[in-house]
Amino acid sequence: MSSDLQLDEEKVFSRRTEVPQSSAFVRFILSTRLVKTEKQAEYMLLGVAGAGLIVTIIVSVIFLRGSNPPVNPYREGQSVLIYPRVNQSP
């Protein structure tokens, strides 16, 4: 059997692939030279976000705990107007 199939020269198609750029925050951390790689910069940003979350929780707990307790109107020294019950007889 002979092969009637003939291939022309191979055409090479190249697809331009875009490399995703790192975020502005990662580039900023890298520009400060605190870390050397993008991965380290991402971990550093995660740490900063986590620390911010913890500080926010602590500050909110401090302010909520320091607020005044609700006023009990039946506490001694409080003037409370209580209406008498009206007896309704059938």
Protein backbone atom coordinates (compact mmCIF):
# COMPACT_ATOMS: atom_id res chain seq x y z
CA MET A 1 0.00 0.00 0.00
CA SER A 2 1.24 3.38 -0.84
CA SER A 3 0.37 6.47 0.98
CA ASP A 4 -1.19 9.18 -1.14
CA LEU A 5 -1.05 11.62 1.69
CA GLN A 6 1.55 14.28 1.27
CA LEU A 7 2.22 16.88 3.88
CA ASP A 8 3.24 20.35 2.98
CA GLU A 9 5.79 22.10 5.05
CA GLU A 10 4.78 22.42 8.65
CA LYS A 11 3.31 25.72 9.57
CA VAL A 12 4.24 26.97 12.97
CA PHE A 13 1.64 28.97 14.77
CA SER A 14 2.75 30.83 17.76
CA ARG A 15 0.27 32.19 20.20
CA ARG A 16 1.21 35.19 22.19
CA THR A 17 0.71 34.37 25.83
CA GLU A 18 0.43 37.13 28.31
CA VAL A 19 2.09 36.65 31.62
CA PRO A 20 -0.19 37.99 34.35
CA GLN A 21 1.38 40.93 36.08
CA SER A 22 1.57 41.08 39.81
CA SER A 23 -0.66 43.51 41.66
CA ALA A 24 0.39 47.01 42.59
CA PHE A 25 0.65 46.01 46.25
CA VAL A 26 3.05 43.18 45.46
CA ARG A 27 5.15 45.48 43.27
CA PHE A 28 5.22 48.05 46.08
CA ILE A 29 6.42 45.46 48.62
CA LEU A 30 9.05 44.28 46.15
CA SER A 31 10.20 47.86 45.58
CA THR A 32 10.83 48.31 49.30
CA ARG A 33 13.21 45.33 49.10
CA LEU A 34 11.79 43.83 52.28
CA VAL A 35 11.29 40.53 50.46
CA LYS A 36 12.90 38.99 47.41
CA THR A 37 10.16 37.07 45.59
CA GLU A 38 6.55 37.68 44.62
CA LYS A 39 5.43 34.72 46.73
CA GLN A 40 7.06 36.22 49.83
CA ALA A 41 5.41 39.57 49.08
CA GLU A 42 2.00 37.87 48.82
CA TYR A 43 2.55 36.13 52.15
CA MET A 44 3.59 39.42 53.69
CA LEU A 45 0.40 41.08 52.44
CA LEU A 46 -1.67 38.21 53.86
CA GLY A 47 0.07 38.71 57.20
CA VAL A 48 -0.63 42.45 57.14
CA ALA A 49 -4.31 41.79 56.35
CA GLY A 50 -4.54 39.22 59.15
CA ALA A 51 -2.89 41.57 61.64
CA GLY A 52 -5.31 44.33 60.62
CA LEU A 53 -8.25 42.01 61.18
CA ILE A 54 -7.00 41.03 64.64
CA VAL A 55 -6.39 44.68 65.62
CA THR A 56 -9.88 45.59 64.42
CA ILE A 57 -11.46 42.82 66.51
CA ILE A 58 -9.48 43.81 69.61
CA VAL A 59 -10.34 47.50 69.28
CA SER A 60 -14.03 46.77 68.74
CA VAL A 61 -14.14 44.47 71.79
CA ILE A 62 -12.49 47.14 73.93
CA PHE A 63 -14.96 49.81 72.86
CA LEU A 64 -17.98 47.54 73.21
CA ARG A 65 -16.93 46.40 76.67
CA GLY A 66 -16.31 49.97 77.79
CA SER A 67 -19.76 51.22 76.80
CA ASN A 68 -22.38 51.97 79.43
CA PRO A 69 -24.66 49.11 80.39
CA PRO A 70 -28.34 49.51 79.55
CA VAL A 71 -30.33 51.50 82.12
CA ASN A 72 -32.61 49.47 84.34
CA PRO A 73 -35.68 51.67 84.99
CA TYR A 74 -36.49 49.77 88.20
CA ARG A 75 -33.14 50.49 89.79
CA GLU A 76 -33.21 52.51 92.98
CA GLY A 77 -33.08 56.23 92.40
CA GLN A 78 -34.76 56.11 89.00
CA SER A 79 -38.12 57.78 88.65
CA VAL A 80 -40.44 55.54 86.71
CA LEU A 81 -44.03 56.35 85.91
CA ILE A 82 -46.18 53.26 86.33
CA TYR A 83 -49.83 53.45 85.44
CA PRO A 84 -52.20 51.65 87.81
CA ARG A 85 -54.15 48.76 86.40
CA VAL A 86 -57.78 49.40 85.87
CA ASN A 87 -60.03 46.62 87.09
CA GLN A 88 -62.53 45.79 84.46
CA SER A 89 -65.40 43.86 85.99
CA PRO A 90 -67.95 42.27 83.70
